[in-house]
Amino acid sequence: NECYVYALDISENQISEYKKKYPQNESQASSILKTNYEDNFFDYVVINGGLHHVHPYLNDAMKEIIRITKQNGQIILCEPSANTFFDFFRKIWYKFDSYFEENEASVDYNRIDKKYQGIITKNYISHGGFFAYYLIYNSMIFRIPYRTKKYISKPLFAIDRAIDKFPNKFFSAYSIARYTKL
């Protein structure tokens, strides 16, 4: 089986970097709100941490994602989770930290489920992310320097792995959900 990878990002700079690293893959700089892809084009659409940047246009983004996904195709979303312990602090942090824009908000998977019922169906959801998620993966939030990350990453990931054995949506920083387009 052959696999073709297409990359999409709103940033011309990010796409330029992507093209240098993966010249064999297709890529384009455009918004997820209006792509240039045909209807029912992709077998899989994977969004990793992009949807929480498009509020209040999340519904427009989801409509576009669904439009470009083939029937029985998979949509995989990995986003900060709404209505969680961390989300409460995230909302406060976003208001005071100049790195964050007004259009950033956690994703409410239950709302997606209700809004697109009969169009997509959720097959799987997993919750995770604790200390390492914020201090290593999202280190810009706390301005953790790279040289520090290399010393704290192993113990933090070990703590996260131990906590992940007791899955609990309320204390998770993000969720990964897989949907099928009906």
Foldseek 3Di string as FASTA:
>chain_A
DDDADEEEAQDPVVVVVVCVVCVVHHYDRDDLLDDPAAFQADLEAEDEADLQQAPPCNVSSVVSVLRNHHAQGKYKYKWFEPPAPVQVVVVVLLVPDPVHDPSGHTDHVVVVCVVCPVFKHWPDKFFFDDDCCCCPVVVVSVVRDPVNCVVCNVVVVVVRVVVSVPGDRRRGGIMMIMMGGD
